[in-house]
Amino acid sequence: MPGIGFVVPLLPGKREVDRGVMRSCWDGERRASHRAARARLGITREAVWIQPTPAGDVAVVYMEADDLPAALEGMATSQEPFDRWFREHVRDVHGVDLEQGMAPPEQILDYRAGED
Protein backbone atom coordinates (compact mmCIF):
# COMPACT_ATOMS: atom_id res chain seq x y z
CA MET A 1 0.00 0.00 0.00
CA PRO A 2 1.55 3.33 -1.00
CA GLY A 3 2.28 5.63 1.92
CA ILE A 4 3.46 9.18 2.42
CA GLY A 5 4.97 10.95 5.38
CA PHE A 6 5.38 14.69 5.84
CA VAL A 7 5.58 17.38 8.49
CA VAL A 8 3.65 20.62 8.79
CA PRO A 9 4.37 23.37 11.31
CA LEU A 10 2.01 24.08 14.16
CA LEU A 11 1.39 27.78 14.50
CA PRO A 12 2.36 29.27 17.87
CA GLY A 13 -0.17 28.43 20.57
CA LYS A 14 -1.99 25.81 18.47
CA ARG A 15 -0.50 22.61 19.94
CA GLU A 16 -3.39 21.91 22.34
CA VAL A 17 -6.03 22.84 19.76
CA ASP A 18 -4.54 20.35 17.31
CA ARG A 19 -4.09 17.71 20.01
CA GLY A 20 -7.76 18.02 20.99
CA VAL A 21 -9.05 17.88 17.42
CA MET A 22 -6.90 14.89 16.47
CA ARG A 23 -7.99 13.05 19.64
CA SER A 24 -11.64 13.78 18.80
CA CYS A 25 -11.05 12.24 15.36
CA TRP A 26 -9.24 9.23 16.81
CA ASP A 27 -11.50 8.26 19.71
CA GLY A 28 -13.91 11.09 20.41
CA GLU A 29 -16.95 12.90 19.07
CA ARG A 30 -15.61 13.18 15.49
CA ARG A 31 -14.50 9.55 15.20
CA ALA A 32 -17.41 8.36 13.04
CA SER A 33 -17.22 11.38 10.71
CA HIS A 34 -13.44 11.06 10.40
CA ARG A 35 -13.60 7.34 9.61
CA ALA A 36 -16.37 7.87 7.05
CA ALA A 37 -14.43 10.67 5.38
CA ARG A 38 -11.24 8.64 5.19
CA ALA A 39 -13.09 5.60 3.81
CA ARG A 40 -14.79 7.78 1.19
CA LEU A 41 -11.37 9.15 0.13
CA GLY A 42 -9.75 5.69 0.05
CA ILE A 43 -7.38 6.44 2.95
CA THR A 44 -6.57 3.22 4.77
CA ARG A 45 -4.17 4.56 7.41
CA GLU A 46 -3.55 7.97 8.92
CA ALA A 47 -1.31 8.68 11.90
CA VAL A 48 -0.30 12.03 13.37
CA TRP A 49 2.32 12.88 15.99
CA ILE A 50 3.26 16.23 17.52
CA GLN A 51 7.04 16.74 17.55
CA PRO A 52 8.63 19.62 19.44
CA THR A 53 11.65 21.10 17.63
CA PRO A 54 13.93 24.07 18.37
CA ALA A 55 12.07 25.94 15.61
CA GLY A 56 8.63 25.16 17.09
CA ASP A 57 6.21 22.25 17.11
CA VAL A 58 5.42 20.29 13.97
CA ALA A 59 2.82 17.67 13.16
CA VAL A 60 4.32 14.51 11.69
CA VAL A 61 1.77 12.90 9.39
CA TYR A 62 1.76 9.44 7.82
CA MET A 63 -0.94 8.35 5.40
CA GLU A 64 -1.64 5.29 3.24
CA ALA A 65 -4.07 4.88 0.35
CA ASP A 66 -4.26 2.78 -2.80
CA ASP A 67 -4.36 6.04 -4.80
CA LEU A 68 -2.58 8.71 -2.77
CA PRO A 69 -2.89 11.51 -5.35
CA ALA A 70 -6.67 10.95 -5.57
CA ALA A 71 -7.00 10.83 -1.77
CA LEU A 72 -5.06 14.08 -1.33
CA GLU A 73 -7.02 15.73 -4.13
CA GLY A 74 -10.26 14.63 -2.47
CA MET A 75 -9.15 16.12 0.85
CA ALA A 76 -8.52 19.41 -0.95
CA THR A 77 -11.74 19.56 -2.97
CA SER A 78 -14.48 17.58 -1.24
CA GLN A 79 -17.53 19.61 -0.29
CA GLU A 80 -18.65 17.15 2.38
CA PRO A 81 -19.17 18.95 5.73
CA PHE A 82 -16.43 17.04 7.60
CA ASP A 83 -13.90 17.65 4.82
CA ARG A 84 -14.67 21.38 4.71
CA TRP A 85 -14.36 21.55 8.52
CA PHE A 86 -11.05 19.61 8.42
CA ARG A 87 -9.57 21.99 5.83
CA GLU A 88 -10.53 24.94 8.05
CA HIS A 89 -8.84 23.26 11.02
CA VAL A 90 -5.65 22.70 9.00
CA ARG A 91 -5.69 26.37 7.94
CA ASP A 92 -6.19 27.49 11.54
CA VAL A 93 -3.51 25.40 13.27
CA HIS A 94 -0.96 24.91 10.48
CA GLY A 95 -1.45 27.93 8.22
CA VAL A 96 -1.77 25.59 5.23
CA ASP A 97 -4.56 25.94 2.70
CA LEU A 98 -5.17 22.41 1.39
CA GLU A 99 -7.31 23.83 -1.41
CA GLN A 100 -4.15 25.40 -2.83
CA GLY A 101 -2.36 22.05 -2.72
CA MET A 102 0.89 21.04 -1.08
CA ALA A 103 4.12 20.04 -2.75
CA PRO A 104 4.81 16.37 -2.00
CA PRO A 105 7.89 15.56 0.05
CA GLU A 106 11.01 14.33 -1.72
CA GLN A 107 11.93 10.85 -0.54
CA ILE A 108 15.70 10.58 -0.22
CA LEU A 109 16.11 7.30 1.72
CA ASP A 110 14.11 4.07 2.00
CA TYR A 111 16.00 1.39 3.94
CA ARG A 112 14.36 -2.01 4.40
CA ALA A 113 16.18 -4.88 6.04
CA GLY A 114 16.81 -7.81 3.71
CA GLU A 115 16.42 -5.81 0.48
CA ASP A 116 19.32 -5.12 -1.87
C-alpha atoms as a PDB file:
ATOM      1  CA  MET A   1       0.000   0.000   0.000  1.00  0.00           C
ATOM      2  CA  PRO A   2       1.547   3.330  -1.001  1.00  0.00           C
ATOM      3  CA  GLY A   3       2.277   5.627   1.917  1.00  0.00           C
ATOM      4  CA  ILE A   4       3.455   9.183   2.422  1.00  0.00           C
ATOM      5  CA  GLY A   5       4.972  10.948   5.375  1.00  0.00           C
ATOM      6  CA  PHE A   6       5.376  14.688   5.840  1.00  0.00           C
ATOM      7  CA  VAL A   7       5.575  17.384   8.485  1.00  0.00           C
ATOM      8  CA  VAL A   8       3.653  20.621   8.792  1.00  0.00           C
ATOM      9  CA  PRO A   9       4.366  23.367  11.308  1.00  0.00           C
ATOM     10  CA  LEU A  10       2.010  24.075  14.162  1.00  0.00           C
ATOM     11  CA  LEU A  11       1.393  27.779  14.495  1.00  0.00           C
ATOM     12  CA  PRO A  12       2.362  29.270  17.871  1.00  0.00           C
ATOM     13  CA  GLY A  13      -0.171  28.430  20.569  1.00  0.00           C
ATOM     14  CA  LYS A  14      -1.993  25.814  18.466  1.00  0.00           C
ATOM     15  CA  ARG A  15      -0.503  22.605  19.945  1.00  0.00           C
ATOM     16  CA  GLU A  16      -3.388  21.914  22.344  1.00  0.00           C
ATOM     17  CA  VAL A  17      -6.025  22.840  19.761  1.00  0.00           C
ATOM     18  CA  ASP A  18      -4.542  20.351  17.309  1.00  0.00           C
ATOM     19  CA  ARG A  19      -4.091  17.706  20.011  1.00  0.00           C
ATOM     20  CA  GLY A  20      -7.765  18.024  20.989  1.00  0.00           C
ATOM     21  CA  VAL A  21      -9.050  17.878  17.424  1.00  0.00           C
ATOM     22  CA  MET A  22      -6.898  14.888  16.472  1.00  0.00           C
ATOM     23  CA  ARG A  23      -7.991  13.046  19.641  1.00  0.00           C
ATOM     24  CA  SER A  24     -11.638  13.779  18.805  1.00  0.00           C
ATOM     25  CA  CYS A  25     -11.053  12.238  15.360  1.00  0.00           C
ATOM     26  CA  TRP A  26      -9.235   9.235  16.813  1.00  0.00           C
ATOM     27  CA  ASP A  27     -11.498   8.264  19.709  1.00  0.00           C
ATOM     28  CA  GLY A  28     -13.912  11.087  20.406  1.00  0.00           C
ATOM     29  CA  GLU A  29     -16.948  12.896  19.068  1.00  0.00           C
ATOM     30  CA  ARG A  30     -15.607  13.182  15.494  1.00  0.00           C
ATOM     31  CA  ARG A  31     -14.498   9.546  15.204  1.00  0.00           C
ATOM     32  CA  ALA A  32     -17.408   8.359  13.041  1.00  0.00           C
ATOM     33  CA  SER A  33     -17.221  11.376  10.709  1.00  0.00           C
ATOM     34  CA  HIS A  34     -13.442  11.061  10.401  1.00  0.00           C
ATOM     35  CA  ARG A  35     -13.599   7.341   9.612  1.00  0.00           C
ATOM     36  CA  ALA A  36     -16.371   7.867   7.055  1.00  0.00           C
ATOM     37  CA  ALA A  37     -14.425  10.668   5.381  1.00  0.00           C
ATOM     38  CA  ARG A  38     -11.237   8.636   5.193  1.00  0.00           C
ATOM     39  CA  ALA A  39     -13.092   5.597   3.810  1.00  0.00           C
ATOM     40  CA  ARG A  40     -14.785   7.782   1.195  1.00  0.00           C
ATOM     41  CA  LEU A  41     -11.372   9.145   0.134  1.00  0.00           C
ATOM     42  CA  GLY A  42      -9.750   5.692   0.055  1.00  0.00           C
ATOM     43  CA  ILE A  43      -7.381   6.437   2.949  1.00  0.00           C
ATOM     44  CA  THR A  44      -6.573   3.215   4.773  1.00  0.00           C
ATOM     45  CA  ARG A  45      -4.169   4.562   7.406  1.00  0.00           C
ATOM     46  CA  GLU A  46      -3.551   7.972   8.921  1.00  0.00           C
ATOM     47  CA  ALA A  47      -1.314   8.680  11.898  1.00  0.00           C
ATOM     48  CA  VAL A  48      -0.296  12.033  13.374  1.00  0.00           C
ATOM     49  CA  TRP A  49       2.324  12.883  15.992  1.00  0.00           C
ATOM     50  CA  ILE A  50       3.264  16.231  17.525  1.00  0.00           C
ATOM     51  CA  GLN A  51       7.035  16.735  17.546  1.00  0.00           C
ATOM     52  CA  PRO A  52       8.628  19.623  19.436  1.00  0.00           C
ATOM     53  CA  THR A  53      11.646  21.099  17.627  1.00  0.00           C
ATOM     54  CA  PRO A  54      13.930  24.071  18.371  1.00  0.00           C
ATOM     55  CA  ALA A  55      12.069  25.943  15.613  1.00  0.00           C
ATOM     56  CA  GLY A  56       8.625  25.157  17.086  1.00  0.00           C
ATOM     57  CA  ASP A  57       6.211  22.247  17.113  1.00  0.00           C
ATOM     58  CA  VAL A  58       5.416  20.293  13.966  1.00  0.00           C
ATOM     59  CA  ALA A  59       2.817  17.670  13.159  1.00  0.00           C
ATOM     60  CA  VAL A  60       4.321  14.514  11.689  1.00  0.00           C
ATOM     61  CA  VAL A  61       1.768  12.902   9.395  1.00  0.00           C
ATOM     62  CA  TYR A  62       1.763   9.437   7.819  1.00  0.00           C
ATOM     63  CA  MET A  63      -0.942   8.350   5.398  1.00  0.00           C
ATOM     64  CA  GLU A  64      -1.636   5.286   3.241  1.00  0.00           C
ATOM     65  CA  ALA A  65      -4.067   4.879   0.347  1.00  0.00           C
ATOM     66  CA  ASP A  66      -4.255   2.781  -2.800  1.00  0.00           C
ATOM     67  CA  ASP A  67      -4.356   6.038  -4.801  1.00  0.00           C
ATOM     68  CA  LEU A  68      -2.577   8.706  -2.766  1.00  0.00           C
ATOM     69  CA  PRO A  69      -2.891  11.510  -5.354  1.00  0.00           C
ATOM     70  CA  ALA A  70      -6.667  10.949  -5.572  1.00  0.00           C
ATOM     71  CA  ALA A  71      -6.996  10.826  -1.774  1.00  0.00           C
ATOM     72  CA  LEU A  72      -5.060  14.077  -1.328  1.00  0.00           C
ATOM     73  CA  GLU A  73      -7.015  15.732  -4.132  1.00  0.00           C
ATOM     74  CA  GLY A  74     -10.257  14.634  -2.468  1.00  0.00           C
ATOM     75  CA  MET A  75      -9.148  16.117   0.845  1.00  0.00           C
ATOM     76  CA  ALA A  76      -8.524  19.413  -0.949  1.00  0.00           C
ATOM     77  CA  THR A  77     -11.741  19.564  -2.968  1.00  0.00           C
ATOM     78  CA  SER A  78     -14.483  17.582  -1.236  1.00  0.00           C
ATOM     79  CA  GLN A  79     -17.533  19.608  -0.293  1.00  0.00           C
ATOM     80  CA  GLU A  80     -18.646  17.145   2.384  1.00  0.00           C
ATOM     81  CA  PRO A  81     -19.170  18.946   5.732  1.00  0.00           C
ATOM     82  CA  PHE A  82     -16.433  17.042   7.599  1.00  0.00           C
ATOM     83  CA  ASP A  83     -13.898  17.650   4.820  1.00  0.00           C
ATOM     84  CA  ARG A  84     -14.667  21.381   4.705  1.00  0.00           C
ATOM     85  CA  TRP A  85     -14.361  21.552   8.519  1.00  0.00           C
ATOM     86  CA  PHE A  86     -11.053  19.608   8.422  1.00  0.00           C
ATOM     87  CA  ARG A  87      -9.569  21.986   5.826  1.00  0.00           C
ATOM     88  CA  GLU A  88     -10.527  24.936   8.046  1.00  0.00           C
ATOM     89  CA  HIS A  89      -8.836  23.255  11.024  1.00  0.00           C
ATOM     90  CA  VAL A  90      -5.648  22.696   8.997  1.00  0.00           C
ATOM     91  CA  ARG A  91      -5.687  26.366   7.938  1.00  0.00           C
ATOM     92  CA  ASP A  92      -6.191  27.488  11.544  1.00  0.00           C
ATOM     93  CA  VAL A  93      -3.512  25.397  13.269  1.00  0.00           C
ATOM     94  CA  HIS A  94      -0.961  24.914  10.477  1.00  0.00           C
ATOM     95  CA  GLY A  95      -1.448  27.934   8.222  1.00  0.00           C
ATOM     96  CA  VAL A  96      -1.765  25.591   5.233  1.00  0.00           C
ATOM     97  CA  ASP A  97      -4.560  25.942   2.695  1.00  0.00           C
ATOM     98  CA  LEU A  98      -5.171  22.415   1.394  1.00  0.00           C
ATOM     99  CA  GLU A  99      -7.311  23.826  -1.407  1.00  0.00           C
ATOM    100  CA  GLN A 100      -4.149  25.402  -2.833  1.00  0.00           C
ATOM    101  CA  GLY A 101      -2.359  22.048  -2.716  1.00  0.00           C
ATOM    102  CA  MET A 102       0.893  21.044  -1.076  1.00  0.00           C
ATOM    103  CA  ALA A 103       4.119  20.040  -2.751  1.00  0.00           C
ATOM    104  CA  PRO A 104       4.808  16.372  -2.005  1.00  0.00           C
ATOM    105  CA  PRO A 105       7.893  15.557   0.052  1.00  0.00           C
ATOM    106  CA  GLU A 106      11.006  14.326  -1.724  1.00  0.00           C
ATOM    107  CA  GLN A 107      11.930  10.850  -0.542  1.00  0.00           C
ATOM    108  CA  ILE A 108      15.697  10.576  -0.224  1.00  0.00           C
ATOM    109  CA  LEU A 109      16.106   7.303   1.717  1.00  0.00           C
ATOM    110  CA  ASP A 110      14.112   4.065   1.995  1.00  0.00           C
ATOM    111  CA  TYR A 111      15.996   1.392   3.937  1.00  0.00           C
ATOM    112  CA  ARG A 112      14.361  -2.013   4.399  1.00  0.00           C
ATOM    113  CA  ALA A 113      16.181  -4.880   6.037  1.00  0.00           C
ATOM    114  CA  GLY A 114      16.809  -7.805   3.713  1.00  0.00           C
ATOM    115  CA  GLU A 115      16.420  -5.811   0.484  1.00  0.00           C
ATOM    116  CA  ASP A 116      19.320  -5.121  -1.870  1.00  0.00           C
END
